[in-house]
Structures are given as C-alpha cells and as structure tokens.
Amino acid sequence: MTQNRWARQPADPAAGGGHELPPITSLEVSYRTEPGLIDAVVPPPLVPAPDALVHVRFTDIDLDFGSFKWQEHVGWFGVDVEHDGLRGEYPLLIPIDLERAVAISRERHGEPKKLADIVIERSGDDVRASMTREGVTFAEVVGTVTGASPVPPAYETRQFWFKFMPAVSGRGFDGDVLLVQVDQVRTPVSVETLDAKLVLRELASAPLVDLPVVEIVSAVWTSRRATTAPRVVGPVDPVAFEPFAAARYD
C-alpha cells in the first residue's frame, strides 16, 4: 500500500509542562557587561532586573527513554529580567545543533533558536565549549575545574519568550505577539567551579559582542534536573516589540 506521510492524525504532544527530565550537563558562565547595554536589548513589557547579568550556557542533552533517544547540544545567551514582579531570564539567542528542533521551537513556543555547531568537551579538569555559525566561533569558553561546590536545593525560576508570526506584507505581524512565561523548577545534582575565560567574536547573525564581557561573576560545570511548564501570558504591544523581531531571522 502506498504511504502518505504528509498528513497525520493530531495527537497530544509528549512535551507540555510539568515533567522532569533526567540530569543534563551544562557549562555556564555569568558576567557583567557595560552599564545601560542590557536596557537596549530587552523588549517591553519585560524590564531588566536591577542587578542583571548576562548568561552564556552550553548544554549537552543526551536522553535515552528506551524506544526514544534525543541528542542535541544547545547554547544559551540571555539576560536577567523582570515581569509583573517576577524575576526570570530572557534569551536573546538559543543556538542549537539539531535542525528538526528549530522550527517547532520557534513556532510553538517562541524560542529564538538558530542552527549552530556547538562543542562541549571535558578532559579531566580541562573544559572547552564553543558556538560556531557561518564559519565564525562567536562564543568560546576555555577553563579548568577548581573544585566542587555545595549543591544548592531545588529552586523555582522562569524564562520569558515571545511567540509571533512575521507578516506576509514584510512589515509587522500576522496575528498577535504573545508573551510566553516558562515556569521551571531546577534541581542541581552536582556543581563544580571553573577558572574560565569567555571570548566573544563578531558575527552579525549572533551579535553577542554587543554585550561585551566586563567581569565574569561565576563559571560552573554543573548537572541538574528540571521541570518546565510554558504558558501564554497574553498579547503585547506589537509596535513596541517590532524592533526586536528581526534578530530572530537574520
């Protein structure tokens, strides 16, 4: 019988919130940038947190559920923000090396994902991680593990994403621009501190250098579990958001 894989019966997605994933490993660096720069990259109605830092993460996801296996390397570049009295993180860019995850992440959730080659390596106490697009390694961390740190208890946090569809006309949006709030509970399993150096390089489609490193506040090699529950908060002002949309697609 001839197959037809262009149409499928709708089914409830496996993901959707509240589930806890097995521990995943991340290299995470947080740093201070120059005063006032974070203000310029945060779309309303979000506002920068008073002591906002920039966060760079390299995460190795390797999950085996028996009949289903999921592998990807995911980057993260974001800043601390607040909305309606709640503190969270706003991602400017989520580089990822899995093509199939890019479109659905943007369209369903509003995650600013772009394809990139991501390397995460550890040999003994030596670690290295990098993100590369268009032949440019635009973020790179090299460091040495200096020791284990106390493992903190589970804690609540959140992320804020924007879900939108660029207009067919080429200007504005077709439909509402929606603010998505992602409530999380993170449960650290292990934490090791790093003596690390973070280098950012110029790339127009991933302009991390626009938030230059002034001071590294923390650098860790960590493993943790997390639950994730995204939900739509509601529409936002499309005119105020429009200047921040183009960077998702260049």
C-alpha atoms as a PDB file:
ATOM      1  CA  MET A   1       0.000   0.000   0.000  1.00  0.00           C
ATOM      2  CA  THR A   2       1.242   3.475  -0.870  1.00  0.00           C
ATOM      3  CA  GLN A   3       2.206   5.522   2.179  1.00  0.00           C
ATOM      4  CA  ASN A   4       1.022   9.046   2.868  1.00  0.00           C
ATOM      5  CA  ARG A   5       3.211  10.780   5.421  1.00  0.00           C
ATOM      6  CA  TRP A   6       2.075  14.308   4.511  1.00  0.00           C
ATOM      7  CA  ALA A   7      -0.986  14.128   6.753  1.00  0.00           C
ATOM      8  CA  ARG A   8      -1.164  12.727  10.271  1.00  0.00           C
ATOM      9  CA  GLN A   9      -3.890  12.481  12.850  1.00  0.00           C
ATOM     10  CA  PRO A  10      -3.392  15.089  15.602  1.00  0.00           C
ATOM     11  CA  ALA A  11      -2.070  13.718  18.873  1.00  0.00           C
ATOM     12  CA  ASP A  12      -1.329  15.198  22.268  1.00  0.00           C
ATOM     13  CA  PRO A  13       2.359  16.197  22.364  1.00  0.00           C
ATOM     14  CA  ALA A  14       4.713  14.370  24.691  1.00  0.00           C
ATOM     15  CA  ALA A  15       6.004  17.706  25.954  1.00  0.00           C
ATOM     16  CA  GLY A  16       3.805  20.317  27.515  1.00  0.00           C
ATOM     17  CA  GLY A  17       4.910  21.045  31.022  1.00  0.00           C
ATOM     18  CA  GLY A  18       5.399  19.698  34.486  1.00  0.00           C
ATOM     19  CA  HIS A  19       7.510  16.688  33.524  1.00  0.00           C
ATOM     20  CA  GLU A  20      11.011  16.314  34.975  1.00  0.00           C
ATOM     21  CA  LEU A  21      13.884  15.393  32.699  1.00  0.00           C
ATOM     22  CA  PRO A  22      16.875  13.295  33.803  1.00  0.00           C
ATOM     23  CA  PRO A  23      20.012  15.248  34.785  1.00  0.00           C
ATOM     24  CA  ILE A  24      21.744  17.124  31.978  1.00  0.00           C
ATOM     25  CA  THR A  25      25.212  18.660  31.946  1.00  0.00           C
ATOM     26  CA  SER A  26      25.925  22.341  31.335  1.00  0.00           C
ATOM     27  CA  LEU A  27      28.857  24.711  31.269  1.00  0.00           C
ATOM     28  CA  GLU A  28      27.540  28.055  32.483  1.00  0.00           C
ATOM     29  CA  VAL A  29      29.182  31.474  32.633  1.00  0.00           C
ATOM     30  CA  SER A  30      27.560  34.627  34.040  1.00  0.00           C
ATOM     31  CA  TYR A  31      29.114  38.052  33.568  1.00  0.00           C
ATOM     32  CA  ARG A  32      28.590  41.777  33.952  1.00  0.00           C
ATOM     33  CA  THR A  33      28.526  43.968  30.876  1.00  0.00           C
ATOM     34  CA  GLU A  34      28.731  47.722  30.432  1.00  0.00           C
ATOM     35  CA  PRO A  35      26.064  49.814  32.195  1.00  0.00           C
ATOM     36  CA  GLY A  36      22.951  50.525  30.164  1.00  0.00           C
ATOM     37  CA  LEU A  37      23.538  47.968  27.429  1.00  0.00           C
ATOM     38  CA  ILE A  38      21.081  45.382  28.738  1.00  0.00           C
ATOM     39  CA  ASP A  39      18.329  48.034  28.762  1.00  0.00           C
ATOM     40  CA  ALA A  40      18.604  48.293  24.977  1.00  0.00           C
ATOM     41  CA  VAL A  41      18.100  44.570  24.254  1.00  0.00           C
ATOM     42  CA  VAL A  42      15.065  43.801  26.451  1.00  0.00           C
ATOM     43  CA  PRO A  43      11.652  44.086  24.720  1.00  0.00           C
ATOM     44  CA  PRO A  44       8.728  45.547  26.660  1.00  0.00           C
ATOM     45  CA  PRO A  45       6.815  44.658  28.735  1.00  0.00           C
ATOM     46  CA  LEU A  46       9.924  42.976  30.197  1.00  0.00           C
ATOM     47  CA  VAL A  47      12.373  45.187  32.072  1.00  0.00           C
ATOM     48  CA  PRO A  48      15.983  44.459  33.045  1.00  0.00           C
ATOM     49  CA  ALA A  49      16.454  43.180  36.582  1.00  0.00           C
ATOM     50  CA  PRO A  50      18.205  45.745  38.815  1.00  0.00           C
ATOM     51  CA  ASP A  51      21.377  43.662  39.017  1.00  0.00           C
ATOM     52  CA  ALA A  52      21.028  41.977  35.620  1.00  0.00           C
ATOM     53  CA  LEU A  53      23.793  39.695  34.415  1.00  0.00           C
ATOM     54  CA  VAL A  54      24.421  38.125  31.030  1.00  0.00           C
ATOM     55  CA  HIS A  55      24.312  34.323  30.972  1.00  0.00           C
ATOM     56  CA  VAL A  56      26.049  32.025  28.484  1.00  0.00           C
ATOM     57  CA  ARG A  57      25.339  28.298  28.661  1.00  0.00           C
ATOM     58  CA  PHE A  58      26.433  25.234  26.729  1.00  0.00           C
ATOM     59  CA  THR A  59      24.203  22.226  27.446  1.00  0.00           C
ATOM     60  CA  ASP A  60      24.718  18.591  26.458  1.00  0.00           C
ATOM     61  CA  ILE A  61      21.357  16.827  26.177  1.00  0.00           C
ATOM     62  CA  ASP A  62      21.619  13.069  25.770  1.00  0.00           C
ATOM     63  CA  LEU A  63      18.391  11.377  26.829  1.00  0.00           C
ATOM     64  CA  ASP A  64      17.567   7.695  26.416  1.00  0.00           C
ATOM     65  CA  PHE A  65      13.963   6.636  27.026  1.00  0.00           C
ATOM     66  CA  GLY A  66      14.404   3.150  25.624  1.00  0.00           C
ATOM     67  CA  SER A  67      12.415   3.312  22.388  1.00  0.00           C
ATOM     68  CA  PHE A  68      13.126   7.035  22.069  1.00  0.00           C
ATOM     69  CA  LYS A  69      16.523   8.754  22.148  1.00  0.00           C
ATOM     70  CA  TRP A  70      17.129  12.504  21.969  1.00  0.00           C
ATOM     71  CA  GLN A  71      20.555  14.070  21.491  1.00  0.00           C
ATOM     72  CA  GLU A  72      21.400  17.728  20.971  1.00  0.00           C
ATOM     73  CA  HIS A  73      23.818  20.419  22.023  1.00  0.00           C
ATOM     74  CA  VAL A  74      22.095  23.653  22.992  1.00  0.00           C
ATOM     75  CA  GLY A  75      23.555  27.079  23.638  1.00  0.00           C
ATOM     76  CA  TRP A  76      22.018  29.973  25.521  1.00  0.00           C
ATOM     77  CA  PHE A  77      22.672  33.707  25.571  1.00  0.00           C
ATOM     78  CA  GLY A  78      20.318  35.726  27.739  1.00  0.00           C
ATOM     79  CA  VAL A  79      19.873  38.338  30.443  1.00  0.00           C
ATOM     80  CA  ASP A  80      18.070  38.729  33.768  1.00  0.00           C
ATOM     81  CA  VAL A  81      14.686  40.437  33.507  1.00  0.00           C
ATOM     82  CA  GLU A  82      11.516  41.075  35.482  1.00  0.00           C
ATOM     83  CA  HIS A  83       7.843  40.998  34.525  1.00  0.00           C
ATOM     84  CA  ASP A  84       4.860  41.698  36.748  1.00  0.00           C
ATOM     85  CA  GLY A  85       7.063  41.417  39.837  1.00  0.00           C
ATOM     86  CA  LEU A  86       8.597  38.082  38.782  1.00  0.00           C
ATOM     87  CA  ARG A  87      12.279  37.622  38.003  1.00  0.00           C
ATOM     88  CA  GLY A  88      13.425  35.423  35.155  1.00  0.00           C
ATOM     89  CA  GLU A  89      15.658  35.191  32.109  1.00  0.00           C
ATOM     90  CA  TYR A  90      15.093  36.474  28.588  1.00  0.00           C
ATOM     91  CA  PRO A  91      17.041  34.635  25.859  1.00  0.00           C
ATOM     92  CA  LEU A  92      18.415  36.736  23.031  1.00  0.00           C
ATOM     93  CA  LEU A  93      19.671  33.636  21.226  1.00  0.00           C
ATOM     94  CA  ILE A  94      19.416  29.866  21.664  1.00  0.00           C
ATOM     95  CA  PRO A  95      21.904  28.215  19.285  1.00  0.00           C
ATOM     96  CA  ILE A  96      21.229  24.520  18.662  1.00  0.00           C
ATOM     97  CA  ASP A  97      22.780  21.795  16.524  1.00  0.00           C
ATOM     98  CA  LEU A  98      19.545  19.877  15.809  1.00  0.00           C
ATOM     99  CA  GLU A  99      17.739  21.133  12.705  1.00  0.00           C
ATOM    100  CA  ARG A 100      14.402  19.469  13.487  1.00  0.00           C
ATOM    101  CA  ALA A 101      14.138  21.406  16.775  1.00  0.00           C
ATOM    102  CA  VAL A 102      14.487  24.886  15.286  1.00  0.00           C
ATOM    103  CA  ALA A 103      11.157  25.470  13.518  1.00  0.00           C
ATOM    104  CA  ILE A 104       8.882  23.811  16.062  1.00  0.00           C
ATOM    105  CA  SER A 105      10.599  25.617  18.936  1.00  0.00           C
ATOM    106  CA  ARG A 106      10.064  28.996  17.272  1.00  0.00           C
ATOM    107  CA  GLU A 107       6.512  28.358  16.089  1.00  0.00           C
ATOM    108  CA  ARG A 108       5.079  26.584  19.123  1.00  0.00           C
ATOM    109  CA  HIS A 109       6.917  28.263  21.966  1.00  0.00           C
ATOM    110  CA  GLY A 110       8.648  31.370  20.602  1.00  0.00           C
ATOM    111  CA  GLU A 111      12.196  30.232  21.412  1.00  0.00           C
ATOM    112  CA  PRO A 112      14.829  32.225  19.465  1.00  0.00           C
ATOM    113  CA  LYS A 113      16.666  29.188  18.104  1.00  0.00           C
ATOM    114  CA  LYS A 114      19.224  29.208  15.294  1.00  0.00           C
ATOM    115  CA  LEU A 115      21.382  26.420  13.927  1.00  0.00           C
ATOM    116  CA  ALA A 116      24.989  26.378  15.105  1.00  0.00           C
ATOM    117  CA  ASP A 117      27.840  23.937  15.605  1.00  0.00           C
ATOM    118  CA  ILE A 118      28.277  23.504  19.350  1.00  0.00           C
ATOM    119  CA  VAL A 119      31.209  21.805  21.056  1.00  0.00           C
ATOM    120  CA  ILE A 120      31.254  20.787  24.723  1.00  0.00           C
ATOM    121  CA  GLU A 121      34.380  18.939  25.862  1.00  0.00           C
ATOM    122  CA  ARG A 122      35.900  17.871  29.152  1.00  0.00           C
ATOM    123  CA  SER A 123      39.153  16.013  29.729  1.00  0.00           C
ATOM    124  CA  GLY A 124      39.920  15.619  33.414  1.00  0.00           C
ATOM    125  CA  ASP A 125      39.715  19.121  34.834  1.00  0.00           C
ATOM    126  CA  ASP A 126      40.119  20.860  31.477  1.00  0.00           C
ATOM    127  CA  VAL A 127      36.949  22.077  29.750  1.00  0.00           C
ATOM    128  CA  ARG A 128      36.192  23.794  26.476  1.00  0.00           C
ATOM    129  CA  ALA A 129      32.959  24.824  24.798  1.00  0.00           C
ATOM    130  CA  SER A 130      32.181  26.830  21.686  1.00  0.00           C
ATOM    131  CA  MET A 131      29.381  28.019  19.384  1.00  0.00           C
ATOM    132  CA  THR A 132      30.073  28.426  15.653  1.00  0.00           C
ATOM    133  CA  ARG A 133      27.944  29.783  12.785  1.00  0.00           C
ATOM    134  CA  GLU A 134      28.923  30.732   9.244  1.00  0.00           C
ATOM    135  CA  GLY A 135      32.493  29.635   9.986  1.00  0.00           C
ATOM    136  CA  VAL A 136      32.830  32.026  12.952  1.00  0.00           C
ATOM    137  CA  THR A 137      33.286  30.751  16.504  1.00  0.00           C
ATOM    138  CA  PHE A 138      31.325  33.592  18.071  1.00  0.00           C
ATOM    139  CA  ALA A 139      31.471  32.314  21.674  1.00  0.00           C
ATOM    140  CA  GLU A 140      34.168  30.206  23.276  1.00  0.00           C
ATOM    141  CA  VAL A 141      34.958  29.190  26.853  1.00  0.00           C
ATOM    142  CA  VAL A 142      38.194  27.595  27.994  1.00  0.00           C
ATOM    143  CA  GLY A 143      38.618  26.727  31.645  1.00  0.00           C
ATOM    144  CA  THR A 144      39.847  24.475  34.411  1.00  0.00           C
ATOM    145  CA  VAL A 145      37.771  22.889  37.168  1.00  0.00           C
ATOM    146  CA  THR A 146      38.993  24.215  40.505  1.00  0.00           C
ATOM    147  CA  GLY A 147      36.808  22.152  42.850  1.00  0.00           C
ATOM    148  CA  ALA A 148      33.368  21.023  43.861  1.00  0.00           C
ATOM    149  CA  SER A 149      30.847  23.469  45.303  1.00  0.00           C
ATOM    150  CA  PRO A 150      27.951  22.787  47.700  1.00  0.00           C
ATOM    151  CA  VAL A 151      24.897  21.604  45.815  1.00  0.00           C
ATOM    152  CA  PRO A 152      22.036  24.076  46.389  1.00  0.00           C
ATOM    153  CA  PRO A 153      18.465  22.898  46.972  1.00  0.00           C
ATOM    154  CA  ALA A 154      15.872  22.872  44.201  1.00  0.00           C
ATOM    155  CA  TYR A 155      14.709  26.344  43.250  1.00  0.00           C
ATOM    156  CA  GLU A 156      11.999  27.994  41.154  1.00  0.00           C
ATOM    157  CA  THR A 157      12.847  30.177  38.191  1.00  0.00           C
ATOM    158  CA  ARG A 158      11.344  31.173  34.859  1.00  0.00           C
ATOM    159  CA  GLN A 159      12.058  32.251  31.318  1.00  0.00           C
ATOM    160  CA  PHE A 160      10.188  34.670  29.054  1.00  0.00           C
ATOM    161  CA  TRP A 161       9.809  34.094  25.309  1.00  0.00           C
ATOM    162  CA  PHE A 162       7.928  35.943  22.548  1.00  0.00           C
ATOM    163  CA  LYS A 163       5.808  33.997  20.081  1.00  0.00           C
ATOM    164  CA  PHE A 164       4.937  35.745  16.805  1.00  0.00           C
ATOM    165  CA  MET A 165       4.487  35.314  13.049  1.00  0.00           C
ATOM    166  CA  PRO A 166       6.121  37.874  10.712  1.00  0.00           C
ATOM    167  CA  ALA A 167       3.611  39.473   8.357  1.00  0.00           C
ATOM    168  CA  VAL A 168       3.270  38.353   4.758  1.00  0.00           C
ATOM    169  CA  SER A 169       3.482  42.028   3.776  1.00  0.00           C
ATOM    170  CA  GLY A 170       7.012  42.208   5.177  1.00  0.00           C
ATOM    171  CA  ARG A 171       6.268  44.682   7.969  1.00  0.00           C
ATOM    172  CA  GLY A 172       4.717  43.917  11.348  1.00  0.00           C
ATOM    173  CA  PHE A 173       2.985  40.674  12.251  1.00  0.00           C
ATOM    174  CA  ASP A 174       0.140  38.450  11.171  1.00  0.00           C
ATOM    175  CA  GLY A 175      -1.701  37.928  14.440  1.00  0.00           C
ATOM    176  CA  ASP A 176      -0.801  38.804  17.996  1.00  0.00           C
ATOM    177  CA  VAL A 177       2.667  38.924  19.513  1.00  0.00           C
ATOM    178  CA  LEU A 178       2.356  36.709  22.580  1.00  0.00           C
ATOM    179  CA  LEU A 179       4.435  36.718  25.742  1.00  0.00           C
ATOM    180  CA  VAL A 180       5.191  33.171  26.907  1.00  0.00           C
ATOM    181  CA  GLN A 181       6.191  32.505  30.513  1.00  0.00           C
ATOM    182  CA  VAL A 182       8.091  29.287  31.211  1.00  0.00           C
ATOM    183  CA  ASP A 183       7.943  28.250  34.856  1.00  0.00           C
ATOM    184  CA  GLN A 184      10.752  25.947  35.943  1.00  0.00           C
ATOM    185  CA  VAL A 185      11.943  24.063  38.978  1.00  0.00           C
ATOM    186  CA  ARG A 186      15.656  23.327  38.723  1.00  0.00           C
ATOM    187  CA  THR A 187      17.199  20.620  40.901  1.00  0.00           C
ATOM    188  CA  PRO A 188      21.019  20.721  40.903  1.00  0.00           C
ATOM    189  CA  VAL A 189      22.788  17.357  41.165  1.00  0.00           C
ATOM    190  CA  SER A 190      26.423  18.496  41.072  1.00  0.00           C
ATOM    191  CA  VAL A 191      28.266  21.819  40.813  1.00  0.00           C
ATOM    192  CA  GLU A 192      31.962  22.383  40.103  1.00  0.00           C
ATOM    193  CA  THR A 193      33.524  25.830  39.887  1.00  0.00           C
ATOM    194  CA  LEU A 194      35.718  26.862  36.984  1.00  0.00           C
ATOM    195  CA  ASP A 195      38.578  29.227  36.403  1.00  0.00           C
ATOM    196  CA  ALA A 196      37.388  30.203  32.940  1.00  0.00           C
ATOM    197  CA  LYS A 197      37.895  32.671  30.118  1.00  0.00           C
ATOM    198  CA  LEU A 198      34.995  33.677  27.851  1.00  0.00           C
ATOM    199  CA  VAL A 199      35.746  35.073  24.387  1.00  0.00           C
ATOM    200  CA  LEU A 200      33.047  36.641  22.191  1.00  0.00           C
ATOM    201  CA  ARG A 201      33.665  37.273  18.479  1.00  0.00           C
ATOM    202  CA  GLU A 202      31.879  39.405  15.899  1.00  0.00           C
ATOM    203  CA  LEU A 203      29.061  37.785  13.920  1.00  0.00           C
ATOM    204  CA  ALA A 204      26.121  39.828  12.637  1.00  0.00           C
ATOM    205  CA  SER A 205      23.628  36.952  12.947  1.00  0.00           C
ATOM    206  CA  ALA A 206      24.696  36.302  16.547  1.00  0.00           C
ATOM    207  CA  PRO A 207      25.858  39.695  17.894  1.00  0.00           C
ATOM    208  CA  LEU A 208      26.950  38.594  21.344  1.00  0.00           C
ATOM    209  CA  VAL A 209      29.790  41.125  21.200  1.00  0.00           C
ATOM    210  CA  ASP A 210      27.197  43.901  21.607  1.00  0.00           C
ATOM    211  CA  LEU A 211      27.140  42.884  25.296  1.00  0.00           C
ATOM    212  CA  PRO A 212      30.898  42.781  25.990  1.00  0.00           C
ATOM    213  CA  VAL A 213      32.380  40.998  28.977  1.00  0.00           C
ATOM    214  CA  VAL A 214      33.395  43.374  31.766  1.00  0.00           C
ATOM    215  CA  GLU A 215      33.657  40.905  34.663  1.00  0.00           C
ATOM    216  CA  ILE A 216      32.962  37.185  34.969  1.00  0.00           C
ATOM    217  CA  VAL A 217      30.829  36.671  38.066  1.00  0.00           C
ATOM    218  CA  SER A 218      30.597  32.869  38.007  1.00  0.00           C
ATOM    219  CA  ALA A 219      31.609  29.895  35.888  1.00  0.00           C
ATOM    220  CA  VAL A 220      30.474  26.362  36.672  1.00  0.00           C
ATOM    221  CA  TRP A 221      30.300  22.863  35.270  1.00  0.00           C
ATOM    222  CA  THR A 222      27.003  21.530  36.548  1.00  0.00           C
ATOM    223  CA  SER A 223      24.446  18.759  36.231  1.00  0.00           C
ATOM    224  CA  ARG A 224      20.791  19.279  37.101  1.00  0.00           C
ATOM    225  CA  ARG A 225      17.248  18.101  36.547  1.00  0.00           C
ATOM    226  CA  ALA A 226      14.414  20.457  35.679  1.00  0.00           C
ATOM    227  CA  THR A 227      10.689  20.629  35.166  1.00  0.00           C
ATOM    228  CA  THR A 228       9.428  23.007  32.504  1.00  0.00           C
ATOM    229  CA  ALA A 229       5.894  24.387  32.099  1.00  0.00           C
ATOM    230  CA  PRO A 230       5.327  27.011  29.361  1.00  0.00           C
ATOM    231  CA  ARG A 231       2.130  29.049  29.131  1.00  0.00           C
ATOM    232  CA  VAL A 232       0.903  32.079  27.219  1.00  0.00           C
ATOM    233  CA  VAL A 233       0.627  35.198  29.395  1.00  0.00           C
ATOM    234  CA  GLY A 234      -1.110  37.278  26.737  1.00  0.00           C
ATOM    235  CA  PRO A 235      -0.567  39.675  23.828  1.00  0.00           C
ATOM    236  CA  VAL A 236       1.949  42.517  23.952  1.00  0.00           C
ATOM    237  CA  ASP A 237       2.276  45.781  22.043  1.00  0.00           C
ATOM    238  CA  PRO A 238       3.366  44.738  18.518  1.00  0.00           C
ATOM    239  CA  VAL A 239       4.747  48.168  17.639  1.00  0.00           C
ATOM    240  CA  ALA A 240       6.996  48.205  20.722  1.00  0.00           C
ATOM    241  CA  PHE A 241       8.176  44.651  20.023  1.00  0.00           C
ATOM    242  CA  GLU A 242       8.835  45.008  16.286  1.00  0.00           C
ATOM    243  CA  PRO A 243      12.429  46.347  16.573  1.00  0.00           C
ATOM    244  CA  PHE A 244      13.382  43.155  18.435  1.00  0.00           C
ATOM    245  CA  ALA A 245      11.919  40.696  15.911  1.00  0.00           C
ATOM    246  CA  ALA A 246      14.365  40.875  13.015  1.00  0.00           C
ATOM    247  CA  ALA A 247      17.281  39.446  15.000  1.00  0.00           C
ATOM    248  CA  ARG A 248      15.454  36.105  15.171  1.00  0.00           C
ATOM    249  CA  TYR A 249      15.780  35.553  11.425  1.00  0.00           C
ATOM    250  CA  ASP A 250      18.981  37.177  10.131  1.00  0.00           C
END
